N, C-alpha and C. Protein backbone atom coordinates (compact mmCIF):
# COMPACT_ATOMS: atom_id res chain seq x y z
N MET A 1 5.11 -20.57 -29.59
CA MET A 1 3.79 -20.68 -28.94
C MET A 1 3.49 -19.38 -28.22
N GLU A 2 2.44 -18.73 -28.56
CA GLU A 2 2.08 -17.48 -27.92
C GLU A 2 1.19 -17.74 -26.72
N GLN A 3 1.19 -16.79 -25.81
CA GLN A 3 0.39 -16.90 -24.61
C GLN A 3 -0.80 -15.97 -24.70
N ASN A 4 -1.94 -16.50 -24.33
CA ASN A 4 -3.14 -15.69 -24.44
C ASN A 4 -4.13 -16.14 -23.39
N GLN A 5 -5.08 -15.26 -23.05
CA GLN A 5 -6.12 -15.62 -22.09
C GLN A 5 -7.46 -15.53 -22.77
N PHE A 6 -8.23 -16.64 -22.71
CA PHE A 6 -9.55 -16.66 -23.31
C PHE A 6 -10.57 -16.25 -22.25
N ASP A 7 -11.43 -15.30 -22.62
CA ASP A 7 -12.45 -14.88 -21.66
C ASP A 7 -13.38 -16.03 -21.33
N GLU A 8 -13.57 -16.91 -22.33
CA GLU A 8 -14.49 -18.03 -22.10
C GLU A 8 -13.90 -19.06 -21.15
N LEU A 9 -12.57 -19.00 -20.98
CA LEU A 9 -11.91 -20.02 -20.18
C LEU A 9 -11.50 -19.43 -18.85
N GLU A 10 -12.26 -19.68 -17.83
CA GLU A 10 -11.96 -19.16 -16.52
C GLU A 10 -11.99 -20.28 -15.49
N PRO A 11 -11.08 -20.25 -14.52
CA PRO A 11 -11.15 -21.21 -13.42
C PRO A 11 -12.44 -21.00 -12.64
N VAL A 12 -12.79 -21.96 -11.86
CA VAL A 12 -13.99 -21.83 -11.04
C VAL A 12 -13.71 -20.78 -9.98
N GLU A 13 -14.25 -19.57 -10.16
CA GLU A 13 -13.92 -18.46 -9.28
C GLU A 13 -14.86 -18.37 -8.08
N VAL A 14 -16.10 -18.71 -8.27
CA VAL A 14 -17.07 -18.70 -7.18
C VAL A 14 -17.87 -19.99 -7.23
N THR A 15 -17.80 -20.78 -6.21
CA THR A 15 -18.50 -22.06 -6.19
C THR A 15 -19.99 -21.84 -5.95
N THR A 16 -20.76 -22.91 -6.20
CA THR A 16 -22.21 -22.82 -5.97
C THR A 16 -22.51 -22.52 -4.51
N ASP A 17 -21.72 -23.13 -3.61
CA ASP A 17 -21.93 -22.89 -2.18
C ASP A 17 -21.71 -21.43 -1.84
N ASN A 18 -20.66 -20.82 -2.44
CA ASN A 18 -20.38 -19.42 -2.18
C ASN A 18 -21.50 -18.53 -2.69
N LYS A 19 -22.04 -18.87 -3.85
CA LYS A 19 -23.15 -18.09 -4.40
C LYS A 19 -24.37 -18.16 -3.49
N GLU A 20 -24.62 -19.34 -2.96
CA GLU A 20 -25.77 -19.50 -2.06
C GLU A 20 -25.57 -18.71 -0.78
N LYS A 21 -24.32 -18.68 -0.30
CA LYS A 21 -24.03 -17.92 0.92
C LYS A 21 -24.21 -16.43 0.67
N GLU A 22 -23.78 -15.97 -0.54
CA GLU A 22 -23.93 -14.56 -0.87
C GLU A 22 -25.39 -14.14 -0.89
N LYS A 23 -26.27 -15.04 -1.37
CA LYS A 23 -27.70 -14.73 -1.41
C LYS A 23 -28.26 -14.60 0.01
N GLU A 24 -27.67 -15.34 0.96
CA GLU A 24 -28.16 -15.30 2.33
C GLU A 24 -27.65 -14.10 3.10
N LEU A 25 -26.62 -13.42 2.58
CA LEU A 25 -26.04 -12.28 3.28
C LEU A 25 -26.96 -11.07 3.24
N LYS A 26 -26.89 -10.28 4.30
CA LYS A 26 -27.63 -9.02 4.33
C LYS A 26 -26.85 -7.99 3.53
N GLU A 27 -27.50 -6.88 3.20
CA GLU A 27 -26.89 -5.88 2.35
C GLU A 27 -25.63 -5.30 2.97
N TYR A 28 -25.65 -5.01 4.27
CA TYR A 28 -24.47 -4.42 4.90
C TYR A 28 -23.32 -5.42 4.94
N GLU A 29 -23.66 -6.71 5.03
CA GLU A 29 -22.63 -7.74 5.03
C GLU A 29 -21.97 -7.83 3.65
N LYS A 30 -22.78 -7.67 2.60
CA LYS A 30 -22.23 -7.66 1.23
C LYS A 30 -21.30 -6.47 1.04
N LEU A 31 -21.68 -5.32 1.62
CA LEU A 31 -20.84 -4.13 1.52
C LEU A 31 -19.51 -4.33 2.23
N LEU A 32 -19.57 -4.97 3.39
CA LEU A 32 -18.35 -5.23 4.16
C LEU A 32 -17.43 -6.19 3.41
N LEU A 33 -18.02 -7.20 2.76
CA LEU A 33 -17.23 -8.14 1.98
C LEU A 33 -16.59 -7.45 0.77
N ALA A 34 -17.36 -6.59 0.13
CA ALA A 34 -16.84 -5.85 -1.02
C ALA A 34 -15.68 -4.94 -0.60
N GLU A 35 -15.81 -4.33 0.56
CA GLU A 35 -14.75 -3.46 1.07
C GLU A 35 -13.50 -4.26 1.41
N ALA A 36 -13.69 -5.45 1.96
CA ALA A 36 -12.56 -6.32 2.29
C ALA A 36 -11.83 -6.74 1.01
N ASP A 37 -12.61 -7.07 -0.04
CA ASP A 37 -12.01 -7.44 -1.32
C ASP A 37 -11.26 -6.25 -1.93
N ARG A 38 -11.82 -5.06 -1.78
CA ARG A 38 -11.17 -3.86 -2.32
C ARG A 38 -9.81 -3.64 -1.65
N LYS A 39 -9.76 -3.81 -0.34
CA LYS A 39 -8.50 -3.62 0.38
C LYS A 39 -7.46 -4.66 -0.01
N LEU A 40 -7.91 -5.90 -0.23
CA LEU A 40 -6.99 -6.95 -0.64
C LEU A 40 -6.44 -6.67 -2.04
N ARG A 41 -7.32 -6.21 -2.93
CA ARG A 41 -6.89 -5.89 -4.30
C ARG A 41 -5.90 -4.72 -4.26
N GLU A 42 -6.20 -3.72 -3.46
CA GLU A 42 -5.31 -2.56 -3.34
C GLU A 42 -3.95 -2.97 -2.78
N LYS A 43 -3.97 -3.86 -1.78
CA LYS A 43 -2.73 -4.33 -1.18
C LYS A 43 -1.90 -5.12 -2.18
N ALA A 44 -2.56 -6.00 -2.93
CA ALA A 44 -1.85 -6.83 -3.91
C ALA A 44 -1.19 -5.97 -4.99
N GLU A 45 -1.91 -4.99 -5.50
CA GLU A 45 -1.36 -4.12 -6.53
C GLU A 45 -0.22 -3.27 -5.98
N SER A 46 -0.36 -2.80 -4.74
CA SER A 46 0.69 -1.99 -4.12
C SER A 46 1.97 -2.80 -3.96
N LEU A 47 1.83 -4.05 -3.54
CA LEU A 47 3.00 -4.92 -3.37
C LEU A 47 3.70 -5.15 -4.70
N VAL A 48 2.92 -5.35 -5.74
CA VAL A 48 3.52 -5.55 -7.07
C VAL A 48 4.23 -4.29 -7.52
N ASN A 49 3.59 -3.13 -7.34
CA ASN A 49 4.18 -1.86 -7.75
C ASN A 49 5.46 -1.55 -6.99
N MET A 50 5.55 -2.04 -5.74
CA MET A 50 6.75 -1.81 -4.93
C MET A 50 7.81 -2.87 -5.16
N GLY A 51 7.52 -3.83 -6.04
CA GLY A 51 8.50 -4.87 -6.34
C GLY A 51 8.51 -6.03 -5.37
N CYS A 52 7.49 -6.12 -4.53
CA CYS A 52 7.42 -7.20 -3.54
C CYS A 52 6.63 -8.39 -4.10
N PHE A 53 7.20 -9.06 -5.08
CA PHE A 53 6.49 -10.19 -5.69
C PHE A 53 7.49 -11.13 -6.36
N ASN A 54 6.99 -12.30 -6.69
CA ASN A 54 7.77 -13.30 -7.41
C ASN A 54 6.89 -13.88 -8.49
N GLN A 55 7.27 -13.73 -9.75
CA GLN A 55 6.45 -14.20 -10.87
C GLN A 55 7.01 -15.51 -11.41
N VAL A 56 6.17 -16.53 -11.40
CA VAL A 56 6.59 -17.85 -11.89
C VAL A 56 5.47 -18.45 -12.73
N GLN A 57 5.81 -19.49 -13.48
CA GLN A 57 4.84 -20.20 -14.29
C GLN A 57 4.59 -21.57 -13.68
N GLU A 58 3.33 -21.83 -13.33
CA GLU A 58 2.96 -23.10 -12.71
C GLU A 58 2.25 -23.98 -13.74
N SER A 59 2.57 -25.26 -13.73
CA SER A 59 1.91 -26.18 -14.66
C SER A 59 0.52 -26.59 -14.19
N VAL A 60 0.36 -26.66 -12.86
CA VAL A 60 -0.94 -27.06 -12.29
C VAL A 60 -1.23 -26.21 -11.06
N ILE A 61 -2.49 -25.84 -10.91
CA ILE A 61 -2.93 -25.10 -9.72
C ILE A 61 -4.23 -25.71 -9.22
N ASP A 62 -4.29 -25.97 -7.93
CA ASP A 62 -5.51 -26.47 -7.32
C ASP A 62 -6.30 -25.27 -6.79
N PHE A 63 -7.32 -24.87 -7.53
CA PHE A 63 -8.08 -23.68 -7.16
C PHE A 63 -8.94 -23.90 -5.92
N ASN A 64 -9.04 -25.15 -5.45
CA ASN A 64 -9.75 -25.40 -4.19
C ASN A 64 -8.99 -24.81 -3.01
N ASP A 65 -7.70 -24.55 -3.20
CA ASP A 65 -6.88 -23.98 -2.14
C ASP A 65 -6.92 -22.46 -2.14
N TYR A 66 -7.68 -21.88 -3.07
CA TYR A 66 -7.68 -20.43 -3.21
C TYR A 66 -9.10 -19.85 -3.14
N THR A 67 -9.16 -18.63 -2.64
CA THR A 67 -10.40 -17.87 -2.64
C THR A 67 -10.30 -16.78 -3.70
N PHE A 68 -11.30 -16.71 -4.55
CA PHE A 68 -11.30 -15.70 -5.61
C PHE A 68 -11.69 -14.34 -5.04
N ILE A 69 -10.87 -13.33 -5.30
CA ILE A 69 -11.15 -11.96 -4.84
C ILE A 69 -11.86 -11.23 -5.97
N ASN A 70 -13.15 -11.09 -5.81
CA ASN A 70 -13.97 -10.53 -6.89
C ASN A 70 -14.13 -9.02 -6.71
N TYR A 71 -13.12 -8.27 -7.18
CA TYR A 71 -13.23 -6.81 -7.10
C TYR A 71 -12.54 -6.17 -8.29
N GLY A 72 -13.27 -5.30 -9.00
CA GLY A 72 -12.71 -4.54 -10.11
C GLY A 72 -12.38 -5.40 -11.32
N LYS A 73 -11.77 -4.77 -12.28
CA LYS A 73 -11.38 -5.46 -13.51
C LYS A 73 -10.13 -6.31 -13.26
N LYS A 74 -9.84 -7.16 -14.21
CA LYS A 74 -8.66 -7.99 -14.08
C LYS A 74 -7.40 -7.13 -14.11
N TYR A 75 -6.43 -7.53 -13.35
CA TYR A 75 -5.16 -6.82 -13.30
C TYR A 75 -4.47 -6.92 -14.67
N LYS A 76 -4.16 -5.76 -15.26
CA LYS A 76 -3.57 -5.70 -16.60
C LYS A 76 -4.45 -6.37 -17.64
N GLY A 77 -5.74 -6.51 -17.32
CA GLY A 77 -6.68 -7.09 -18.26
C GLY A 77 -6.58 -8.60 -18.39
N ARG A 78 -5.70 -9.26 -17.61
CA ARG A 78 -5.47 -10.70 -17.78
C ARG A 78 -5.48 -11.48 -16.48
N TYR A 79 -5.02 -10.85 -15.41
CA TYR A 79 -4.81 -11.58 -14.15
C TYR A 79 -5.98 -11.42 -13.19
N SER A 80 -6.45 -12.56 -12.65
CA SER A 80 -7.46 -12.56 -11.60
C SER A 80 -6.76 -12.72 -10.26
N LEU A 81 -7.33 -12.11 -9.23
CA LEU A 81 -6.68 -12.15 -7.91
C LEU A 81 -7.28 -13.25 -7.05
N TYR A 82 -6.40 -14.01 -6.41
CA TYR A 82 -6.81 -15.08 -5.50
C TYR A 82 -6.03 -14.95 -4.19
N GLN A 83 -6.61 -15.53 -3.13
CA GLN A 83 -5.91 -15.58 -1.85
C GLN A 83 -5.84 -17.02 -1.37
N ASN A 84 -4.64 -17.46 -1.03
CA ASN A 84 -4.45 -18.82 -0.53
C ASN A 84 -5.17 -18.98 0.80
N LYS A 85 -6.01 -20.01 0.90
CA LYS A 85 -6.81 -20.21 2.10
C LYS A 85 -5.97 -20.58 3.32
N ASN A 86 -4.80 -21.17 3.07
CA ASN A 86 -3.96 -21.61 4.18
C ASN A 86 -2.94 -20.56 4.60
N THR A 87 -2.23 -19.99 3.62
CA THR A 87 -1.17 -19.03 3.93
C THR A 87 -1.65 -17.58 3.89
N MET A 88 -2.83 -17.33 3.31
CA MET A 88 -3.39 -15.99 3.11
C MET A 88 -2.56 -15.17 2.11
N GLU A 89 -1.76 -15.85 1.32
CA GLU A 89 -0.93 -15.19 0.32
C GLU A 89 -1.80 -14.73 -0.85
N LEU A 90 -1.55 -13.51 -1.33
CA LEU A 90 -2.29 -12.95 -2.46
C LEU A 90 -1.54 -13.26 -3.76
N VAL A 91 -2.28 -13.78 -4.75
CA VAL A 91 -1.66 -14.22 -6.00
C VAL A 91 -2.50 -13.76 -7.19
N PHE A 92 -1.85 -13.15 -8.16
CA PHE A 92 -2.49 -12.85 -9.44
C PHE A 92 -2.24 -14.04 -10.37
N ILE A 93 -3.31 -14.58 -10.95
CA ILE A 93 -3.18 -15.77 -11.80
C ILE A 93 -3.77 -15.53 -13.19
N CYS A 94 -3.00 -15.88 -14.20
CA CYS A 94 -3.45 -15.78 -15.59
C CYS A 94 -3.30 -17.13 -16.27
N PRO A 95 -4.41 -17.80 -16.64
CA PRO A 95 -4.31 -19.07 -17.37
C PRO A 95 -3.68 -18.86 -18.74
N LEU A 96 -2.79 -19.75 -19.13
CA LEU A 96 -2.12 -19.65 -20.42
C LEU A 96 -2.63 -20.76 -21.34
N VAL A 97 -3.03 -20.39 -22.53
CA VAL A 97 -3.51 -21.37 -23.50
C VAL A 97 -2.80 -21.13 -24.82
N GLU A 98 -2.75 -22.14 -25.65
CA GLU A 98 -2.12 -21.99 -26.96
C GLU A 98 -3.01 -21.15 -27.85
N ASN A 99 -2.41 -20.18 -28.49
CA ASN A 99 -3.17 -19.30 -29.38
C ASN A 99 -3.38 -20.00 -30.73
N ASN A 100 -4.50 -20.70 -30.84
CA ASN A 100 -4.77 -21.41 -32.10
C ASN A 100 -5.86 -20.72 -32.91
N LYS A 101 -6.05 -19.43 -32.69
CA LYS A 101 -7.08 -18.68 -33.40
C LYS A 101 -6.83 -18.73 -34.91
N GLY A 102 -7.84 -19.05 -35.65
CA GLY A 102 -7.73 -19.12 -37.10
C GLY A 102 -7.56 -20.54 -37.61
N ASP A 103 -7.25 -21.46 -36.72
CA ASP A 103 -7.11 -22.85 -37.14
C ASP A 103 -8.48 -23.44 -37.48
N VAL A 104 -8.48 -24.41 -38.35
CA VAL A 104 -9.74 -25.05 -38.75
C VAL A 104 -10.38 -25.74 -37.56
N ASP A 105 -9.55 -26.39 -36.77
CA ASP A 105 -10.06 -27.14 -35.62
C ASP A 105 -9.92 -26.35 -34.32
N GLU A 106 -10.08 -25.04 -34.39
CA GLU A 106 -9.93 -24.20 -33.21
C GLU A 106 -10.90 -24.64 -32.11
N ASP A 107 -10.37 -24.75 -30.89
CA ASP A 107 -11.18 -25.17 -29.75
C ASP A 107 -10.99 -24.19 -28.60
N LYS A 108 -11.98 -23.32 -28.40
CA LYS A 108 -11.88 -22.30 -27.36
C LYS A 108 -12.09 -22.85 -25.96
N THR A 109 -12.47 -24.10 -25.86
CA THR A 109 -12.70 -24.69 -24.54
C THR A 109 -11.47 -25.46 -24.05
N MET A 110 -10.38 -25.40 -24.79
CA MET A 110 -9.19 -26.14 -24.40
C MET A 110 -8.66 -25.63 -23.06
N LYS A 111 -8.10 -26.53 -22.28
CA LYS A 111 -7.60 -26.19 -20.95
C LYS A 111 -6.24 -25.49 -21.05
N PRO A 112 -5.92 -24.69 -20.04
CA PRO A 112 -4.61 -24.02 -20.04
C PRO A 112 -3.48 -25.04 -19.94
N TYR A 113 -2.38 -24.74 -20.61
CA TYR A 113 -1.22 -25.61 -20.49
C TYR A 113 -0.35 -25.21 -19.30
N ALA A 114 -0.61 -23.99 -18.76
CA ALA A 114 0.13 -23.51 -17.59
C ALA A 114 -0.57 -22.26 -17.05
N TYR A 115 -0.05 -21.74 -15.95
CA TYR A 115 -0.61 -20.54 -15.33
C TYR A 115 0.53 -19.58 -15.00
N ASP A 116 0.36 -18.36 -15.42
CA ASP A 116 1.32 -17.31 -15.09
C ASP A 116 0.89 -16.72 -13.75
N CYS A 117 1.73 -16.89 -12.73
CA CYS A 117 1.35 -16.49 -11.37
C CYS A 117 2.28 -15.41 -10.83
N ILE A 118 1.68 -14.39 -10.24
CA ILE A 118 2.43 -13.33 -9.58
C ILE A 118 2.17 -13.46 -8.08
N TYR A 119 3.11 -14.06 -7.36
CA TYR A 119 2.98 -14.27 -5.92
C TYR A 119 3.49 -13.03 -5.19
N THR A 120 2.61 -12.36 -4.46
CA THR A 120 3.04 -11.20 -3.69
C THR A 120 3.67 -11.65 -2.37
N GLU A 121 4.54 -10.80 -1.84
CA GLU A 121 5.20 -11.12 -0.58
C GLU A 121 4.18 -11.20 0.55
N LEU A 122 4.30 -12.22 1.37
CA LEU A 122 3.40 -12.38 2.51
C LEU A 122 3.96 -11.59 3.69
N MET A 123 3.22 -10.62 4.16
CA MET A 123 3.65 -9.81 5.30
C MET A 123 2.45 -9.36 6.11
N ASP A 124 2.69 -9.15 7.41
CA ASP A 124 1.59 -8.70 8.26
C ASP A 124 1.29 -7.23 7.97
N GLU A 125 0.18 -6.75 8.53
CA GLU A 125 -0.28 -5.40 8.23
C GLU A 125 0.72 -4.34 8.68
N GLU A 126 1.35 -4.56 9.83
CA GLU A 126 2.31 -3.59 10.34
C GLU A 126 3.51 -3.45 9.40
N THR A 127 4.03 -4.60 8.94
CA THR A 127 5.15 -4.58 8.00
C THR A 127 4.75 -3.96 6.67
N TYR A 128 3.55 -4.29 6.22
CA TYR A 128 3.06 -3.75 4.95
C TYR A 128 2.98 -2.22 5.00
N GLN A 129 2.42 -1.69 6.09
CA GLN A 129 2.31 -0.24 6.24
C GLN A 129 3.68 0.42 6.30
N ALA A 130 4.64 -0.26 6.96
CA ALA A 130 6.00 0.28 7.05
C ALA A 130 6.66 0.32 5.68
N VAL A 131 6.45 -0.73 4.89
CA VAL A 131 7.01 -0.78 3.53
C VAL A 131 6.38 0.31 2.66
N CYS A 132 5.07 0.49 2.78
CA CYS A 132 4.37 1.53 2.01
C CYS A 132 4.90 2.92 2.37
N GLN A 133 5.12 3.15 3.67
CA GLN A 133 5.62 4.45 4.12
C GLN A 133 7.03 4.69 3.61
N ALA A 134 7.86 3.63 3.65
CA ALA A 134 9.23 3.75 3.15
C ALA A 134 9.24 4.05 1.66
N ALA A 135 8.38 3.37 0.92
CA ALA A 135 8.29 3.59 -0.52
C ALA A 135 7.82 5.02 -0.82
N LYS A 136 6.85 5.47 -0.04
CA LYS A 136 6.31 6.82 -0.24
C LYS A 136 7.36 7.87 0.06
N ASN A 137 8.15 7.67 1.12
CA ASN A 137 9.19 8.64 1.50
C ASN A 137 10.25 8.74 0.41
N ASN A 138 10.65 7.58 -0.13
CA ASN A 138 11.67 7.59 -1.18
C ASN A 138 11.13 8.22 -2.46
N LEU A 139 9.86 7.92 -2.76
CA LEU A 139 9.25 8.47 -3.97
C LEU A 139 9.00 9.96 -3.80
N SER A 140 8.62 10.36 -2.56
CA SER A 140 8.27 11.74 -2.31
C SER A 140 9.42 12.67 -2.55
N SER A 141 10.66 12.25 -2.28
CA SER A 141 11.82 13.09 -2.52
C SER A 141 11.99 13.36 -4.02
N LYS A 142 11.73 12.35 -4.85
CA LYS A 142 11.82 12.52 -6.30
C LYS A 142 10.71 13.42 -6.81
N VAL A 143 9.51 13.22 -6.26
CA VAL A 143 8.37 14.06 -6.66
C VAL A 143 8.63 15.51 -6.30
N LYS A 144 9.20 15.73 -5.11
CA LYS A 144 9.48 17.10 -4.67
C LYS A 144 10.52 17.76 -5.56
N VAL A 145 11.54 17.00 -5.98
CA VAL A 145 12.56 17.53 -6.88
C VAL A 145 11.94 17.96 -8.20
N LEU A 146 11.06 17.11 -8.74
CA LEU A 146 10.39 17.44 -10.00
C LEU A 146 9.48 18.66 -9.84
N TYR A 147 8.81 18.73 -8.67
CA TYR A 147 7.91 19.86 -8.38
C TYR A 147 8.70 21.16 -8.34
N ASN A 148 9.82 21.16 -7.61
CA ASN A 148 10.65 22.36 -7.52
C ASN A 148 11.27 22.71 -8.86
N ALA A 149 11.66 21.68 -9.62
CA ALA A 149 12.28 21.92 -10.92
C ALA A 149 11.31 22.60 -11.89
N SER A 150 10.03 22.22 -11.79
CA SER A 150 9.03 22.83 -12.68
C SER A 150 8.89 24.32 -12.40
N PHE A 151 8.98 24.72 -11.12
CA PHE A 151 8.91 26.14 -10.77
C PHE A 151 10.16 26.88 -11.27
N ILE A 152 11.32 26.26 -11.10
CA ILE A 152 12.56 26.88 -11.54
C ILE A 152 12.54 27.12 -13.04
N VAL A 153 12.10 26.10 -13.80
CA VAL A 153 12.05 26.22 -15.26
C VAL A 153 11.09 27.35 -15.67
N PHE A 154 9.94 27.44 -14.97
CA PHE A 154 8.96 28.47 -15.32
C PHE A 154 9.52 29.86 -15.09
N PHE A 155 10.13 30.08 -13.92
CA PHE A 155 10.62 31.42 -13.59
C PHE A 155 11.85 31.79 -14.42
N VAL A 156 12.67 30.80 -14.78
CA VAL A 156 13.80 31.08 -15.68
C VAL A 156 13.27 31.50 -17.04
N MET A 157 12.25 30.79 -17.53
CA MET A 157 11.65 31.12 -18.81
C MET A 157 11.01 32.50 -18.78
N LEU A 158 10.35 32.82 -17.66
CA LEU A 158 9.71 34.13 -17.51
C LEU A 158 10.77 35.24 -17.48
N ALA A 159 11.88 34.99 -16.81
CA ALA A 159 12.96 35.97 -16.74
C ALA A 159 13.56 36.22 -18.12
N ILE A 160 13.74 35.14 -18.89
CA ILE A 160 14.27 35.28 -20.25
C ILE A 160 13.32 36.09 -21.11
N THR A 161 12.03 35.83 -20.97
CA THR A 161 11.01 36.55 -21.74
C THR A 161 11.04 38.04 -21.43
N LEU A 162 11.08 38.39 -20.15
CA LEU A 162 11.10 39.80 -19.74
C LEU A 162 12.38 40.49 -20.18
N PHE A 163 13.49 39.74 -20.11
CA PHE A 163 14.78 40.32 -20.53
C PHE A 163 14.76 40.67 -22.02
N ILE A 164 14.29 39.71 -22.83
CA ILE A 164 14.24 39.94 -24.28
C ILE A 164 13.26 41.07 -24.61
N PHE A 165 12.13 41.10 -23.90
CA PHE A 165 11.12 42.14 -24.12
C PHE A 165 11.70 43.52 -23.80
N THR A 166 12.35 43.62 -22.64
CA THR A 166 12.93 44.90 -22.22
C THR A 166 14.06 45.32 -23.16
N TYR A 167 14.88 44.36 -23.54
CA TYR A 167 16.02 44.65 -24.43
C TYR A 167 15.54 45.21 -25.77
N ASN A 168 14.46 44.64 -26.30
CA ASN A 168 13.91 45.11 -27.57
C ASN A 168 13.32 46.50 -27.46
N ILE A 169 12.72 46.81 -26.32
CA ILE A 169 12.17 48.16 -26.12
C ILE A 169 13.30 49.18 -26.11
N ILE A 170 14.40 48.85 -25.40
CA ILE A 170 15.53 49.78 -25.27
C ILE A 170 16.20 50.01 -26.63
N THR A 171 16.40 48.90 -27.36
CA THR A 171 17.13 49.03 -28.64
C THR A 171 16.31 49.67 -29.75
N THR A 172 14.99 49.68 -29.60
CA THR A 172 14.14 50.26 -30.67
C THR A 172 13.40 51.51 -30.19
N SER A 173 13.80 52.05 -29.02
CA SER A 173 13.10 53.21 -28.45
C SER A 173 13.24 54.46 -29.32
N ALA A 174 14.28 54.49 -30.16
CA ALA A 174 14.49 55.66 -31.02
C ALA A 174 13.37 55.80 -32.04
N ASN A 175 12.69 54.72 -32.33
CA ASN A 175 11.60 54.76 -33.33
C ASN A 175 10.26 55.18 -32.73
N GLY A 176 10.27 55.49 -31.43
CA GLY A 176 9.04 55.87 -30.77
C GLY A 176 8.59 54.80 -29.80
N PHE A 177 7.88 55.21 -28.73
CA PHE A 177 7.49 54.27 -27.67
C PHE A 177 6.56 53.17 -28.18
N LEU A 178 5.52 53.55 -28.90
CA LEU A 178 4.56 52.55 -29.40
C LEU A 178 5.22 51.58 -30.37
N SER A 179 6.10 52.11 -31.20
CA SER A 179 6.80 51.25 -32.15
C SER A 179 7.73 50.28 -31.42
N ALA A 180 8.34 50.77 -30.36
CA ALA A 180 9.24 49.93 -29.57
C ALA A 180 8.46 48.81 -28.88
N ILE A 181 7.28 49.15 -28.34
CA ILE A 181 6.43 48.14 -27.68
C ILE A 181 6.00 47.08 -28.69
N ALA A 182 5.58 47.52 -29.87
CA ALA A 182 5.13 46.59 -30.91
C ALA A 182 6.27 45.67 -31.34
N SER A 183 7.46 46.24 -31.49
CA SER A 183 8.61 45.45 -31.90
C SER A 183 8.98 44.44 -30.83
N ALA A 184 8.90 44.85 -29.56
CA ALA A 184 9.24 43.96 -28.45
C ALA A 184 8.27 42.78 -28.39
N PHE A 185 6.99 43.07 -28.57
CA PHE A 185 5.99 42.00 -28.58
C PHE A 185 6.22 41.05 -29.76
N TYR A 186 6.61 41.60 -30.88
CA TYR A 186 6.83 40.79 -32.08
C TYR A 186 7.94 39.76 -31.85
N TYR A 187 9.00 40.20 -31.19
CA TYR A 187 10.15 39.32 -30.99
C TYR A 187 10.00 38.39 -29.77
N THR A 188 9.02 38.67 -28.94
CA THR A 188 8.87 37.83 -27.73
C THR A 188 7.53 37.11 -27.66
N VAL A 189 6.74 37.19 -28.74
CA VAL A 189 5.41 36.58 -28.70
C VAL A 189 5.50 35.07 -28.45
N THR A 190 6.51 34.42 -29.01
CA THR A 190 6.66 32.96 -28.80
C THR A 190 6.95 32.66 -27.34
N TYR A 191 7.81 33.49 -26.74
CA TYR A 191 8.16 33.29 -25.33
C TYR A 191 6.95 33.50 -24.42
N PHE A 192 6.17 34.54 -24.73
CA PHE A 192 4.96 34.80 -23.95
C PHE A 192 3.96 33.64 -24.10
N ALA A 193 3.88 33.07 -25.28
CA ALA A 193 2.98 31.94 -25.51
C ALA A 193 3.40 30.73 -24.67
N ILE A 194 4.70 30.49 -24.62
CA ILE A 194 5.20 29.38 -23.80
C ILE A 194 4.89 29.61 -22.33
N ASP A 195 5.11 30.85 -21.86
CA ASP A 195 4.81 31.19 -20.46
C ASP A 195 3.33 31.02 -20.15
N THR A 196 2.49 31.40 -21.11
CA THR A 196 1.04 31.28 -20.92
C THR A 196 0.62 29.82 -20.81
N ILE A 197 1.27 28.95 -21.58
CA ILE A 197 0.95 27.52 -21.51
C ILE A 197 1.48 26.90 -20.21
N MET A 198 2.66 27.35 -19.79
CA MET A 198 3.30 26.78 -18.60
C MET A 198 2.58 27.16 -17.31
N LEU A 199 2.00 28.35 -17.26
CA LEU A 199 1.38 28.82 -16.03
C LEU A 199 0.24 27.92 -15.54
N PRO A 200 -0.78 27.60 -16.39
CA PRO A 200 -1.84 26.70 -15.91
C PRO A 200 -1.33 25.30 -15.59
N LEU A 201 -0.30 24.86 -16.33
CA LEU A 201 0.29 23.56 -16.04
C LEU A 201 0.95 23.57 -14.66
N LEU A 202 1.57 24.69 -14.32
CA LEU A 202 2.22 24.83 -13.02
C LEU A 202 1.18 24.83 -11.90
N VAL A 203 0.05 25.47 -12.15
CA VAL A 203 -1.05 25.45 -11.16
C VAL A 203 -1.56 24.04 -10.96
N LEU A 204 -1.73 23.31 -12.07
CA LEU A 204 -2.20 21.92 -12.00
C LEU A 204 -1.21 21.05 -11.24
N ILE A 205 0.08 21.24 -11.51
CA ILE A 205 1.11 20.48 -10.80
C ILE A 205 1.07 20.77 -9.31
N SER A 206 0.84 22.02 -8.95
CA SER A 206 0.77 22.41 -7.54
C SER A 206 -0.41 21.73 -6.84
N ILE A 207 -1.55 21.67 -7.52
CA ILE A 207 -2.74 21.03 -6.95
C ILE A 207 -2.48 19.54 -6.76
N LYS A 208 -1.89 18.91 -7.79
CA LYS A 208 -1.60 17.47 -7.71
C LYS A 208 -0.60 17.18 -6.60
N TYR A 209 0.40 18.04 -6.47
CA TYR A 209 1.43 17.84 -5.44
C TYR A 209 0.84 17.99 -4.04
N LYS A 210 -0.07 18.94 -3.88
CA LYS A 210 -0.72 19.14 -2.58
C LYS A 210 -1.56 17.91 -2.20
N LYS A 211 -2.29 17.37 -3.18
CA LYS A 211 -3.09 16.17 -2.93
C LYS A 211 -2.19 14.99 -2.60
N TYR A 212 -1.06 14.90 -3.28
CA TYR A 212 -0.11 13.82 -3.04
C TYR A 212 0.43 13.88 -1.61
N LYS A 213 0.74 15.10 -1.15
CA LYS A 213 1.28 15.25 0.21
C LYS A 213 0.24 14.95 1.27
N ASP A 214 -1.03 15.21 0.94
CA ASP A 214 -2.12 14.98 1.90
C ASP A 214 -2.50 13.52 2.02
N GLN A 215 -2.08 12.70 1.07
CA GLN A 215 -2.45 11.29 1.09
C GLN A 215 -1.73 10.56 2.23
């Protein structure tokens, strides 16, 4: 039995009452709600990326206990984000249905047989920020190593190129200066091409690393 999510089959994400309330909201209130949803979505994804989650399959879910977080596309194209009204726990939920596509009696309105749920760890804002900082510090050391390694590789490659270029000039200088230069370029053109490609990449890496440190 394969697992699939039908776009036509969605839990009740926004009730009629909620829609009516949204119509009554002022524009700045809608913006504030959208920003709150954005922060919740960002927090939920960060927790998952940091490994702070528990993924289980539930046979039944009472969506009356959850608030639908309507921000951005579905997580991984399948999971919708909800928040438990009682515990404030953030959960990614994906309805699972039997993949009967192609069957004669195919029924796209069939109900899910289960729900794939990603429960994120419940933590207060202070703990969450501390975990994010710890994750960033640990990741930053690896990023810095890669950043420094890219510079080392570039300068080693540049040194090899100059050495081969100079060596060819010295060994072929008896044939004349211009001939020696031409011969040196001939034997090192591949190395110069690699250096030329690496240089803009190194600049791009430096810009990305600076932005990463400023975050």
